[in-house]
Amino acid sequence: MNKNDYKDHMGDLLSKNARLQEENTKLRIALCNLRDNYLNMGGDPNQLELFDKDNPSQLNIFESPDGGKTIYGRRALEYDKRTKISG
């Protein structure tokens, strides 16, 4: 890789990093708004603290591609390892 290619590559990475940081900020704001709405509706604040926020791998995601007839479960960030739960 020559010097100009390296500069272009680094510029692309920095630009992508800036976009990701902006998206992360928007998601954090949305999450705070959802939390506030949940609490304003009388939700239990202890219910929000069930998971370690610094360890997303412990979270389970449930998906249904057919509107609820078949349900699959997978761990967060593990897109290729889903298990059929029902259906």
N, C-alpha and C. Protein backbone atom coordinates (compact mmCIF):
# COMPACT_ATOMS: atom_id res chain seq x y z
N MET A 1 0.86 -1.17 0.00
CA MET A 1 0.00 0.00 0.00
C MET A 1 0.90 1.23 0.00
N ASN A 2 0.65 2.11 -0.96
CA ASN A 2 1.46 3.32 -1.00
C ASN A 2 0.89 4.39 -0.06
N LYS A 3 1.62 5.47 0.05
CA LYS A 3 1.28 6.51 1.02
C LYS A 3 -0.11 7.11 0.76
N ASN A 4 -0.44 7.36 -0.51
CA ASN A 4 -1.74 7.95 -0.83
C ASN A 4 -2.88 6.97 -0.55
N ASP A 5 -2.67 5.70 -0.86
CA ASP A 5 -3.69 4.69 -0.56
C ASP A 5 -3.93 4.61 0.95
N TYR A 6 -2.84 4.67 1.70
CA TYR A 6 -2.93 4.63 3.16
C TYR A 6 -3.73 5.83 3.67
N LYS A 7 -3.44 7.01 3.14
CA LYS A 7 -4.16 8.21 3.57
C LYS A 7 -5.65 8.08 3.23
N ASP A 8 -5.95 7.59 2.04
CA ASP A 8 -7.35 7.41 1.65
C ASP A 8 -8.05 6.41 2.57
N HIS A 9 -7.36 5.32 2.85
CA HIS A 9 -7.92 4.28 3.71
C HIS A 9 -8.18 4.83 5.12
N MET A 10 -7.23 5.55 5.66
CA MET A 10 -7.39 6.12 7.00
C MET A 10 -8.52 7.16 7.02
N GLY A 11 -8.63 7.95 5.96
CA GLY A 11 -9.72 8.92 5.86
C GLY A 11 -11.07 8.23 5.86
N ASP A 12 -11.18 7.12 5.12
CA ASP A 12 -12.43 6.34 5.08
C ASP A 12 -12.76 5.79 6.46
N LEU A 13 -11.76 5.26 7.15
CA LEU A 13 -11.99 4.71 8.49
C LEU A 13 -12.42 5.78 9.47
N LEU A 14 -11.79 6.93 9.42
CA LEU A 14 -12.16 8.03 10.32
C LEU A 14 -13.58 8.52 10.04
N SER A 15 -13.94 8.59 8.77
CA SER A 15 -15.29 9.01 8.39
C SER A 15 -16.32 8.00 8.88
N LYS A 16 -16.01 6.72 8.70
CA LYS A 16 -16.92 5.66 9.15
C LYS A 16 -17.06 5.71 10.68
N ASN A 17 -15.96 5.92 11.38
CA ASN A 17 -15.98 6.00 12.84
C ASN A 17 -16.86 7.17 13.29
N ALA A 18 -16.77 8.30 12.63
CA ALA A 18 -17.58 9.46 12.99
C ALA A 18 -19.06 9.15 12.79
N ARG A 19 -19.40 8.48 11.67
CA ARG A 19 -20.80 8.12 11.43
C ARG A 19 -21.31 7.15 12.49
N LEU A 20 -20.48 6.18 12.87
CA LEU A 20 -20.89 5.21 13.90
C LEU A 20 -21.09 5.89 15.25
N GLN A 21 -20.22 6.82 15.58
CA GLN A 21 -20.38 7.54 16.84
C GLN A 21 -21.68 8.36 16.84
N GLU A 22 -21.99 8.97 15.71
CA GLU A 22 -23.24 9.74 15.59
C GLU A 22 -24.45 8.81 15.73
N GLU A 23 -24.41 7.66 15.08
CA GLU A 23 -25.50 6.70 15.18
C GLU A 23 -25.63 6.18 16.62
N ASN A 24 -24.50 5.91 17.26
CA ASN A 24 -24.52 5.45 18.65
C ASN A 24 -25.17 6.49 19.56
N THR A 25 -24.87 7.75 19.35
CA THR A 25 -25.47 8.82 20.15
C THR A 25 -26.98 8.86 19.95
N LYS A 26 -27.42 8.73 18.69
CA LYS A 26 -28.86 8.74 18.41
C LYS A 26 -29.55 7.55 19.08
N LEU A 27 -28.92 6.38 19.05
CA LEU A 27 -29.50 5.20 19.67
C LEU A 27 -29.57 5.35 21.19
N ARG A 28 -28.54 5.93 21.78
CA ARG A 28 -28.55 6.15 23.23
C ARG A 28 -29.68 7.11 23.63
N ILE A 29 -29.89 8.14 22.84
CA ILE A 29 -30.97 9.09 23.12
C ILE A 29 -32.32 8.39 23.00
N ALA A 30 -32.49 7.57 21.96
CA ALA A 30 -33.74 6.83 21.78
C ALA A 30 -33.97 5.88 22.95
N LEU A 31 -32.92 5.20 23.40
CA LEU A 31 -33.04 4.29 24.54
C LEU A 31 -33.44 5.04 25.80
N CYS A 32 -32.84 6.19 26.03
CA CYS A 32 -33.20 7.00 27.21
C CYS A 32 -34.66 7.44 27.13
N ASN A 33 -35.11 7.81 25.93
CA ASN A 33 -36.52 8.20 25.77
C ASN A 33 -37.46 7.03 26.04
N LEU A 34 -37.10 5.84 25.55
CA LEU A 34 -37.92 4.65 25.82
C LEU A 34 -37.97 4.34 27.30
N ARG A 35 -36.82 4.45 27.95
CA ARG A 35 -36.76 4.21 29.40
C ARG A 35 -37.65 5.20 30.14
N ASP A 36 -37.56 6.46 29.78
CA ASP A 36 -38.39 7.49 30.43
C ASP A 36 -39.87 7.20 30.21
N ASN A 37 -40.24 6.82 28.98
CA ASN A 37 -41.65 6.52 28.70
C ASN A 37 -42.12 5.32 29.52
N TYR A 38 -41.29 4.31 29.62
CA TYR A 38 -41.63 3.12 30.41
C TYR A 38 -41.86 3.49 31.87
N LEU A 39 -40.97 4.28 32.42
CA LEU A 39 -41.10 4.69 33.82
C LEU A 39 -42.31 5.61 34.02
N ASN A 40 -42.58 6.49 33.05
CA ASN A 40 -43.73 7.39 33.15
C ASN A 40 -45.05 6.62 33.12
N MET A 41 -45.06 5.44 32.50
CA MET A 41 -46.27 4.61 32.46
C MET A 41 -46.40 3.73 33.70
N GLY A 42 -45.51 3.91 34.66
CA GLY A 42 -45.59 3.15 35.89
C GLY A 42 -44.76 1.88 35.89
N GLY A 43 -43.84 1.76 34.94
CA GLY A 43 -42.99 0.58 34.86
C GLY A 43 -42.04 0.47 36.05
N ASP A 44 -41.68 -0.76 36.38
CA ASP A 44 -40.79 -1.04 37.51
C ASP A 44 -39.35 -0.74 37.10
N PRO A 45 -38.68 0.21 37.76
CA PRO A 45 -37.30 0.54 37.39
C PRO A 45 -36.34 -0.63 37.58
N ASN A 46 -36.64 -1.53 38.51
CA ASN A 46 -35.77 -2.69 38.70
C ASN A 46 -35.82 -3.64 37.51
N GLN A 47 -36.93 -3.65 36.79
CA GLN A 47 -37.06 -4.50 35.62
C GLN A 47 -36.06 -4.10 34.53
N LEU A 48 -35.66 -2.86 34.52
CA LEU A 48 -34.74 -2.37 33.50
C LEU A 48 -33.29 -2.78 33.77
N GLU A 49 -33.00 -3.28 34.94
CA GLU A 49 -31.64 -3.59 35.34
C GLU A 49 -31.36 -5.09 35.40
N LEU A 50 -32.10 -5.88 34.62
CA LEU A 50 -31.93 -7.33 34.67
C LEU A 50 -30.64 -7.81 34.01
N PHE A 51 -30.11 -7.03 33.09
CA PHE A 51 -28.96 -7.46 32.32
C PHE A 51 -27.77 -6.56 32.56
N ASP A 52 -26.59 -7.12 32.39
CA ASP A 52 -25.36 -6.34 32.47
C ASP A 52 -25.22 -5.57 31.16
N LYS A 53 -25.36 -4.26 31.22
CA LYS A 53 -25.34 -3.45 30.00
C LYS A 53 -24.00 -3.50 29.28
N ASP A 54 -22.96 -3.94 29.96
CA ASP A 54 -21.64 -4.02 29.33
C ASP A 54 -21.36 -5.40 28.72
N ASN A 55 -22.34 -6.32 28.79
CA ASN A 55 -22.16 -7.67 28.25
C ASN A 55 -23.37 -8.04 27.40
N PRO A 56 -23.43 -7.54 26.15
CA PRO A 56 -24.59 -7.81 25.30
C PRO A 56 -24.72 -9.27 24.89
N SER A 57 -23.68 -10.08 25.07
CA SER A 57 -23.75 -11.47 24.63
C SER A 57 -24.73 -12.28 25.48
N GLN A 58 -25.11 -11.80 26.66
CA GLN A 58 -26.04 -12.55 27.50
C GLN A 58 -27.49 -12.33 27.08
N LEU A 59 -27.75 -11.38 26.25
CA LEU A 59 -29.11 -11.08 25.84
C LEU A 59 -29.58 -12.04 24.75
N ASN A 60 -30.81 -12.48 24.86
CA ASN A 60 -31.40 -13.32 23.84
C ASN A 60 -32.31 -12.49 22.95
N ILE A 61 -32.28 -12.78 21.67
CA ILE A 61 -33.12 -12.12 20.69
C ILE A 61 -34.11 -13.16 20.19
N PHE A 62 -35.38 -12.80 20.10
CA PHE A 62 -36.40 -13.69 19.58
C PHE A 62 -36.96 -13.08 18.31
N GLU A 63 -37.03 -13.90 17.25
CA GLU A 63 -37.46 -13.42 15.95
C GLU A 63 -38.51 -14.35 15.38
N SER A 64 -39.41 -13.79 14.60
CA SER A 64 -40.42 -14.59 13.92
C SER A 64 -40.58 -14.05 12.50
N PRO A 65 -40.04 -14.76 11.52
CA PRO A 65 -40.13 -14.27 10.14
C PRO A 65 -41.52 -14.42 9.54
N ASP A 66 -42.41 -15.17 10.20
CA ASP A 66 -43.74 -15.43 9.64
C ASP A 66 -44.87 -14.91 10.53
N GLY A 67 -44.61 -13.84 11.24
CA GLY A 67 -45.66 -13.20 12.02
C GLY A 67 -46.06 -13.94 13.28
N GLY A 68 -45.20 -14.77 13.84
CA GLY A 68 -45.47 -15.42 15.10
C GLY A 68 -45.75 -16.91 15.01
N LYS A 69 -45.87 -17.44 13.80
CA LYS A 69 -46.14 -18.88 13.66
C LYS A 69 -44.91 -19.70 14.06
N THR A 70 -43.74 -19.24 13.66
CA THR A 70 -42.48 -19.89 14.00
C THR A 70 -41.62 -18.89 14.74
N ILE A 71 -41.05 -19.29 15.87
CA ILE A 71 -40.22 -18.39 16.67
C ILE A 71 -38.83 -18.97 16.79
N TYR A 72 -37.84 -18.14 16.52
CA TYR A 72 -36.44 -18.51 16.64
C TYR A 72 -35.81 -17.67 17.73
N GLY A 73 -34.85 -18.25 18.43
CA GLY A 73 -34.10 -17.51 19.43
C GLY A 73 -32.62 -17.57 19.11
N ARG A 74 -31.91 -16.51 19.45
CA ARG A 74 -30.46 -16.46 19.28
C ARG A 74 -29.90 -15.49 20.30
N ARG A 75 -28.62 -15.59 20.56
CA ARG A 75 -27.95 -14.63 21.43
C ARG A 75 -27.63 -13.38 20.62
N ALA A 76 -27.60 -12.26 21.29
CA ALA A 76 -27.27 -11.01 20.62
C ALA A 76 -25.91 -11.13 19.95
N LEU A 77 -25.80 -10.57 18.79
CA LEU A 77 -24.58 -10.53 17.98
C LEU A 77 -24.22 -11.88 17.36
N GLU A 78 -25.03 -12.92 17.54
CA GLU A 78 -24.78 -14.22 16.92
C GLU A 78 -25.85 -14.46 15.86
N TYR A 79 -25.64 -13.91 14.67
CA TYR A 79 -26.66 -13.91 13.64
C TYR A 79 -26.83 -15.28 12.97
N ASP A 80 -25.81 -16.11 12.98
CA ASP A 80 -25.85 -17.39 12.27
C ASP A 80 -26.21 -18.56 13.16
N LYS A 81 -26.47 -18.35 14.43
CA LYS A 81 -26.68 -19.46 15.38
C LYS A 81 -28.05 -19.35 16.02
N ARG A 82 -29.10 -19.40 15.23
CA ARG A 82 -30.43 -19.32 15.83
C ARG A 82 -31.00 -20.70 16.05
N THR A 83 -31.91 -20.81 17.03
CA THR A 83 -32.54 -22.07 17.41
C THR A 83 -34.04 -21.92 17.29
N LYS A 84 -34.69 -22.90 16.72
CA LYS A 84 -36.14 -22.87 16.60
C LYS A 84 -36.74 -23.13 17.99
N ILE A 85 -37.59 -22.21 18.44
CA ILE A 85 -38.21 -22.30 19.76
C ILE A 85 -39.59 -22.97 19.65
N SER A 86 -40.37 -22.53 18.67
CA SER A 86 -41.70 -23.12 18.48
C SER A 86 -42.15 -22.93 17.04
N GLY A 87 -43.17 -23.70 16.68
CA GLY A 87 -43.77 -23.56 15.35
C GLY A 87 -43.34 -24.61 14.37
